[in-house]
Amino acid sequence: MNLGILETGGPPADLATRYPSYSDMMRRVLGPAFRARVYDVQRGVLPGTSGECDAWLVTGSAAGVYDPDPWIAELKAFLRKVSGQAPMVGICFGHQVMADAFGGQVIKSPKGWGIGLHTYEVVRSFPWMDSSAPVRLSASHQDQVVSLPPGAEVVARSDFTPFAMMAYPERRAISLQAHPEFTADYTGALIESRKGTRLDAELADAAIASLAGDDDRERVAIWLRRFLASA
């Protein structure tokens, strides 16, 4: 399958030499069955036509969907244009920008940062999933979806993130607030790089400690592969 990765961000500069790009992280998660073509959306690079790839994936980013950068508005327009024509997956910022583009609302949450290993309750199962057991994944976000777009269904939630994973059956799309592509090592390094500046030291230390637990990266990777292959 030819997968178009709409890359909207990457590791911060102080980590970029030690860790792969977000598009490469996603390639590793999805495996060799997916031939990826990367579009540098932040530089204004978007597909010329909706048929250039068999499926689409929108990566994470440090940007907010409400920011005035022209590339964000252009990305939203593209997502609306291709919606329903091919499978689509959104991760973190991708989750948020899809929700915003499709009629939901995203804000900088008054709850503050969601970081470290988070557990999400599965509230709706689909054929590409394995069970309704809770999901544990790395999180790193301030922004949150606070109202559902029309036609969206909540798949997984937590008290901190009520709209943690969503499905859009009519749009052939799913999205996740958390990061199945982040290893515990990278999540910890990202938190450490923000400790004492963007993140309170006590919150950062607790989040790093949480990463010692088991996560469900591979489980969710299988979900994504199944969804992209069957949607």
Foldseek 3Di string as FASTA:
>chain_A
DEEEEEEAAFAPPVCPVPDDGQVVLLDVLQDDVYHYDYAPLLVPGDDPDLPPGQEYEYEDHPDALPDPRPSSVVVLVVCVVNFQVHAYEYEANGQVSPQVSQAFDKDQDPVAWDFAKDKKFFDDDDPLADDRDIFIAGATDRMATDGGHPQKDAGIADPVHRRQKIDRVNRLYIYGNGDLSDQLVRSLVSLVVPDPPRDDPVVSVVRNVRNVDDGCSNNVSSSVNSSNVPD
